[in-house]
């Protein structure tokens, strides 16, 4: 399932790109985040925050 922030992107092509990006790189992002924090409880929060701040920086 995609993070909620992706569902709020109004432009269809931007939303599709973010869905693709999330699907393509989720496992890599999860692995890297876990290497940094070593805590499964916060890994998804880090990934979602990264996507949020990446989407507003446009």
PDB file of N, CA and C in Angstrom:
ATOM      1  N   UNK A   1       0.829  -1.183   0.000  1.00  0.00           N
ATOM      2  CA  UNK A   1       0.000   0.000   0.000  1.00  0.00           C
ATOM      3  C   UNK A   1       0.873   1.245   0.000  1.00  0.00           C
ATOM      4  N   UNK A   2       0.442   2.244  -0.749  1.00  0.00           N
ATOM      5  CA  UNK A   2       1.202   3.486  -0.852  1.00  0.00           C
ATOM      6  C   UNK A   2       0.913   4.407   0.326  1.00  0.00           C
ATOM      7  N   UNK A   3       1.887   5.237   0.683  1.00  0.00           N
ATOM      8  CA  UNK A   3       1.644   6.212   1.750  1.00  0.00           C
ATOM      9  C   UNK A   3       0.512   7.166   1.364  1.00  0.00           C
ATOM     10  N   UNK A   4      -0.187   7.663   2.345  1.00  0.00           N
ATOM     11  CA  UNK A   4      -1.327   8.547   2.118  1.00  0.00           C
ATOM     12  C   UNK A   4      -0.912   9.799   1.355  1.00  0.00           C
ATOM     13  N   UNK A   5       0.275  10.303   1.592  1.00  0.00           N
ATOM     14  CA  UNK A   5       0.716  11.535   0.944  1.00  0.00           C
ATOM     15  C   UNK A   5       0.657  11.414  -0.580  1.00  0.00           C
ATOM     16  N   UNK A   6       0.911  10.235  -1.104  1.00  0.00           N
ATOM     17  CA  UNK A   6       0.872  10.041  -2.552  1.00  0.00           C
ATOM     18  C   UNK A   6      -0.551  10.216  -3.078  1.00  0.00           C
ATOM     19  N   UNK A   7      -1.531   9.810  -2.309  1.00  0.00           N
ATOM     20  CA  UNK A   7      -2.924   9.907  -2.751  1.00  0.00           C
ATOM     21  C   UNK A   7      -3.400  11.356  -2.851  1.00  0.00           C
ATOM     22  N   UNK A   8      -2.723  12.279  -2.175  1.00  0.00           N
ATOM     23  CA  UNK A   8      -3.124  13.679  -2.203  1.00  0.00           C
ATOM     24  C   UNK A   8      -2.486  14.471  -3.337  1.00  0.00           C
ATOM     25  N   UNK A   9      -1.644  13.855  -4.126  1.00  0.00           N
ATOM     26  CA  UNK A   9      -1.042  14.534  -5.269  1.00  0.00           C
ATOM     27  C   UNK A   9      -2.114  14.683  -6.342  1.00  0.00           C
ATOM     28  N   UNK A  10      -2.388  15.910  -6.728  1.00  0.00           N
ATOM     29  CA  UNK A  10      -3.497  16.178  -7.640  1.00  0.00           C
ATOM     30  C   UNK A  10      -3.194  15.821  -9.087  1.00  0.00           C
ATOM     31  N   UNK A  11      -2.007  16.108  -9.543  1.00  0.00           N
ATOM     32  CA  UNK A  11      -1.645  15.833 -10.928  1.00  0.00           C
ATOM     33  C   UNK A  11      -1.464  14.330 -11.131  1.00  0.00           C
ATOM     34  N   UNK A  12      -2.203  13.760 -12.071  1.00  0.00           N
ATOM     35  CA  UNK A  12      -2.168  12.311 -12.292  1.00  0.00           C
ATOM     36  C   UNK A  12      -0.780  11.805 -12.647  1.00  0.00           C
ATOM     37  N   UNK A  13      -0.075  12.522 -13.499  1.00  0.00           N
ATOM     38  CA  UNK A  13       1.252  12.038 -13.905  1.00  0.00           C
ATOM     39  C   UNK A  13       2.247  12.112 -12.745  1.00  0.00           C
ATOM     40  N   UNK A  14       2.129  13.151 -11.915  1.00  0.00           N
ATOM     41  CA  UNK A  14       3.001  13.247 -10.735  1.00  0.00           C
ATOM     42  C   UNK A  14       2.702  12.125  -9.750  1.00  0.00           C
ATOM     43  N   UNK A  15       1.412  11.850  -9.546  1.00  0.00           N
ATOM     44  CA  UNK A  15       1.022  10.779  -8.621  1.00  0.00           C
ATOM     45  C   UNK A  15       1.499   9.420  -9.135  1.00  0.00           C
ATOM     46  N   UNK A  16       1.338   9.178 -10.435  1.00  0.00           N
ATOM     47  CA  UNK A  16       1.809   7.916 -11.009  1.00  0.00           C
ATOM     48  C   UNK A  16       3.318   7.776 -10.876  1.00  0.00           C
ATOM     49  N   UNK A  17       4.035   8.886 -11.068  1.00  0.00           N
ATOM     50  CA  UNK A  17       5.490   8.851 -10.915  1.00  0.00           C
ATOM     51  C   UNK A  17       5.880   8.509  -9.481  1.00  0.00           C
ATOM     52  N   UNK A  18       5.216   9.139  -8.505  1.00  0.00           N
ATOM     53  CA  UNK A  18       5.534   8.872  -7.104  1.00  0.00           C
ATOM     54  C   UNK A  18       5.173   7.440  -6.716  1.00  0.00           C
ATOM     55  N   UNK A  19       4.079   6.912  -7.266  1.00  0.00           N
ATOM     56  CA  UNK A  19       3.719   5.514  -7.016  1.00  0.00           C
ATOM     57  C   UNK A  19       4.785   4.589  -7.587  1.00  0.00           C
ATOM     58  N   UNK A  20       5.257   4.900  -8.790  1.00  0.00           N
ATOM     59  CA  UNK A  20       6.315   4.100  -9.405  1.00  0.00           C
ATOM     60  C   UNK A  20       7.592   4.188  -8.572  1.00  0.00           C
ATOM     61  N   UNK A  21       7.957   5.405  -8.199  1.00  0.00           N
ATOM     62  CA  UNK A  21       9.173   5.624  -7.419  1.00  0.00           C
ATOM     63  C   UNK A  21       9.124   4.855  -6.099  1.00  0.00           C
ATOM     64  N   UNK A  22       7.996   4.919  -5.424  1.00  0.00           N
ATOM     65  CA  UNK A  22       7.818   4.210  -4.160  1.00  0.00           C
ATOM     66  C   UNK A  22       7.935   2.699  -4.369  1.00  0.00           C
ATOM     67  N   UNK A  23       7.242   2.187  -5.373  1.00  0.00           N
ATOM     68  CA  UNK A  23       7.282   0.748  -5.643  1.00  0.00           C
ATOM     69  C   UNK A  23       8.669   0.267  -6.059  1.00  0.00           C
ATOM     70  N   UNK A  24       9.355   1.087  -6.835  1.00  0.00           N
ATOM     71  CA  UNK A  24      10.671   0.715  -7.349  1.00  0.00           C
ATOM     72  C   UNK A  24      11.748   0.730  -6.265  1.00  0.00           C
ATOM     73  N   UNK A  25      11.665   1.677  -5.341  1.00  0.00           N
ATOM     74  CA  UNK A  25      12.755   1.889  -4.392  1.00  0.00           C
ATOM     75  C   UNK A  25      12.404   1.602  -2.934  1.00  0.00           C
ATOM     76  N   UNK A  26      11.196   1.108  -2.676  1.00  0.00           N
ATOM     77  CA  UNK A  26      10.786   0.867  -1.296  1.00  0.00           C
ATOM     78  C   UNK A  26      11.760  -0.049  -0.548  1.00  0.00           C
ATOM     79  N   UNK A  27      12.100  -1.166  -1.138  1.00  0.00           N
ATOM     80  CA  UNK A  27      12.981  -2.110  -0.431  1.00  0.00           C
ATOM     81  C   UNK A  27      14.357  -1.518  -0.163  1.00  0.00           C
ATOM     82  N   UNK A  28      14.883  -0.772  -1.111  1.00  0.00           N
ATOM     83  CA  UNK A  28      16.178  -0.127  -0.905  1.00  0.00           C
ATOM     84  C   UNK A  28      16.079   0.939   0.188  1.00  0.00           C
ATOM     85  N   UNK A  29      15.016   1.755   0.143  1.00  0.00           N
ATOM     86  CA  UNK A  29      14.835   2.776   1.178  1.00  0.00           C
ATOM     87  C   UNK A  29      14.691   2.129   2.550  1.00  0.00           C
ATOM     88  N   UNK A  30      13.952   1.038   2.608  1.00  0.00           N
ATOM     89  CA  UNK A  30      13.747   0.338   3.885  1.00  0.00           C
ATOM     90  C   UNK A  30      15.071  -0.196   4.420  1.00  0.00           C
ATOM     91  N   UNK A  31      15.862  -0.793   3.541  1.00  0.00           N
ATOM     92  CA  UNK A  31      17.152  -1.345   3.951  1.00  0.00           C
ATOM     93  C   UNK A  31      18.072  -0.253   4.476  1.00  0.00           C
ATOM     94  N   UNK A  32      18.169   0.845   3.734  1.00  0.00           N
ATOM     95  CA  UNK A  32      19.064   1.939   4.136  1.00  0.00           C
ATOM     96  C   UNK A  32      18.597   2.593   5.436  1.00  0.00           C
ATOM     97  N   UNK A  33      17.292   2.803   5.567  1.00  0.00           N
ATOM     98  CA  UNK A  33      16.776   3.411   6.797  1.00  0.00           C
ATOM     99  C   UNK A  33      17.052   2.496   7.990  1.00  0.00           C
ATOM    100  N   UNK A  34      16.877   1.196   7.797  1.00  0.00           N
ATOM    101  CA  UNK A  34      17.133   0.261   8.893  1.00  0.00           C
ATOM    102  C   UNK A  34      18.610   0.256   9.271  1.00  0.00           C
ATOM    103  N   UNK A  35      19.496   0.357   8.288  1.00  0.00           N
ATOM    104  CA  UNK A  35      20.930   0.399   8.582  1.00  0.00           C
ATOM    105  C   UNK A  35      21.277   1.592   9.467  1.00  0.00           C
ATOM    106  N   UNK A  36      20.525   2.675   9.317  1.00  0.00           N
ATOM    107  CA  UNK A  36      20.806   3.886  10.093  1.00  0.00           C
ATOM    108  C   UNK A  36      20.217   3.807  11.497  1.00  0.00           C
ATOM    109  N   UNK A  37      18.946   3.413  11.614  1.00  0.00           N
ATOM    110  CA  UNK A  37      18.282   3.476  12.917  1.00  0.00           C
ATOM    111  C   UNK A  37      18.196   2.144  13.642  1.00  0.00           C
ATOM    112  N   UNK A  38      18.308   1.033  12.920  1.00  0.00           N
ATOM    113  CA  UNK A  38      18.227  -0.312  13.498  1.00  0.00           C
ATOM    114  C   UNK A  38      16.972  -0.502  14.360  1.00  0.00           C
ATOM    115  N   UNK A  39      15.862   0.059  13.902  1.00  0.00           N
ATOM    116  CA  UNK A  39      14.608  -0.040  14.647  1.00  0.00           C
ATOM    117  C   UNK A  39      13.447  -0.140  13.652  1.00  0.00           C
ATOM    118  N   UNK A  40      12.877  -1.333  13.542  1.00  0.00           N
ATOM    119  CA  UNK A  40      11.779  -1.560  12.599  1.00  0.00           C
ATOM    120  C   UNK A  40      10.575  -0.659  12.857  1.00  0.00           C
ATOM    121  N   UNK A  41      10.414  -0.216  14.092  1.00  0.00           N
ATOM    122  CA  UNK A  41       9.251   0.600  14.428  1.00  0.00           C
ATOM    123  C   UNK A  41       9.264   1.978  13.773  1.00  0.00           C
ATOM    124  N   UNK A  42      10.415   2.473  13.397  1.00  0.00           N
ATOM    125  CA  UNK A  42      10.482   3.823  12.822  1.00  0.00           C
ATOM    126  C   UNK A  42      10.865   3.845  11.349  1.00  0.00           C
ATOM    127  N   UNK A  43      11.215   2.716  10.787  1.00  0.00           N
ATOM    128  CA  UNK A  43      11.674   2.674   9.395  1.00  0.00           C
ATOM    129  C   UNK A  43      10.610   3.204   8.433  1.00  0.00           C
ATOM    130  N   UNK A  44       9.376   2.745   8.546  1.00  0.00           N
ATOM    131  CA  UNK A  44       8.327   3.223   7.639  1.00  0.00           C
ATOM    132  C   UNK A  44       8.031   4.703   7.846  1.00  0.00           C
ATOM    133  N   UNK A  45       8.145   5.177   9.085  1.00  0.00           N
ATOM    134  CA  UNK A  45       7.953   6.607   9.343  1.00  0.00           C
ATOM    135  C   UNK A  45       9.014   7.428   8.613  1.00  0.00           C
ATOM    136  N   UNK A  46      10.241   6.957   8.635  1.00  0.00           N
ATOM    137  CA  UNK A  46      11.329   7.657   7.945  1.00  0.00           C
ATOM    138  C   UNK A  46      11.062   7.700   6.454  1.00  0.00           C
ATOM    139  N   UNK A  47      10.643   6.577   5.883  1.00  0.00           N
ATOM    140  CA  UNK A  47      10.361   6.522   4.449  1.00  0.00           C
ATOM    141  C   UNK A  47       9.213   7.465   4.100  1.00  0.00           C
ATOM    142  N   UNK A  48       8.146   7.445   4.879  1.00  0.00           N
ATOM    143  CA  UNK A  48       7.007   8.323   4.605  1.00  0.00           C
ATOM    144  C   UNK A  48       7.384   9.791   4.745  1.00  0.00           C
ATOM    145  N   UNK A  49       8.179  10.125   5.752  1.00  0.00           N
ATOM    146  CA  UNK A  49       8.626  11.505   5.911  1.00  0.00           C
ATOM    147  C   UNK A  49       9.483  11.941   4.731  1.00  0.00           C
ATOM    148  N   UNK A  50      10.327  11.052   4.266  1.00  0.00           N
ATOM    149  CA  UNK A  50      11.175  11.351   3.116  1.00  0.00           C
ATOM    150  C   UNK A  50      10.324  11.644   1.884  1.00  0.00           C
ATOM    151  N   UNK A  51       9.318  10.832   1.665  1.00  0.00           N
ATOM    152  CA  UNK A  51       8.426  11.059   0.521  1.00  0.00           C
ATOM    153  C   UNK A  51       7.661  12.363   0.675  1.00  0.00           C
ATOM    154  N   UNK A  52       7.222  12.675   1.881  1.00  0.00           N
ATOM    155  CA  UNK A  52       6.489  13.904   2.122  1.00  0.00           C
ATOM    156  C   UNK A  52       7.363  15.106   1.805  1.00  0.00           C
ATOM    157  N   UNK A  53       8.546  15.146   2.403  1.00  0.00           N
ATOM    158  CA  UNK A  53       9.409  16.296   2.187  1.00  0.00           C
ATOM    159  C   UNK A  53       9.936  16.368   0.762  1.00  0.00           C
ATOM    160  N   UNK A  54      10.047  15.222   0.112  1.00  0.00           N
ATOM    161  CA  UNK A  54      10.422  15.218  -1.300  1.00  0.00           C
ATOM    162  C   UNK A  54       9.326  15.755  -2.183  1.00  0.00           C
ATOM    163  N   UNK A  55       8.084  15.506  -1.822  1.00  0.00           N
ATOM    164  CA  UNK A  55       6.969  15.956  -2.658  1.00  0.00           C
ATOM    165  C   UNK A  55       6.672  17.433  -2.478  1.00  0.00           C
ATOM    166  N   UNK A  56       6.957  18.026  -1.310  1.00  0.00           N
ATOM    167  CA  UNK A  56       6.689  19.443  -1.134  1.00  0.00           C
ATOM    168  C   UNK A  56       7.843  20.307  -1.622  1.00  0.00           C
ATOM    169  N   UNK A  57       8.956  19.683  -1.894  1.00  0.00           N
ATOM    170  CA  UNK A  57      10.112  20.437  -2.369  1.00  0.00           C
ATOM    171  C   UNK A  57      10.059  20.726  -3.860  1.00  0.00           C
ATOM    172  N   UNK A  58       9.001  20.342  -4.493  1.00  0.00           N
ATOM    173  CA  UNK A  58       8.859  20.486  -5.943  1.00  0.00           C
ATOM    174  C   UNK A  58       8.580  21.899  -6.348  1.00  0.00           C
TER     175      UNK A  58
END
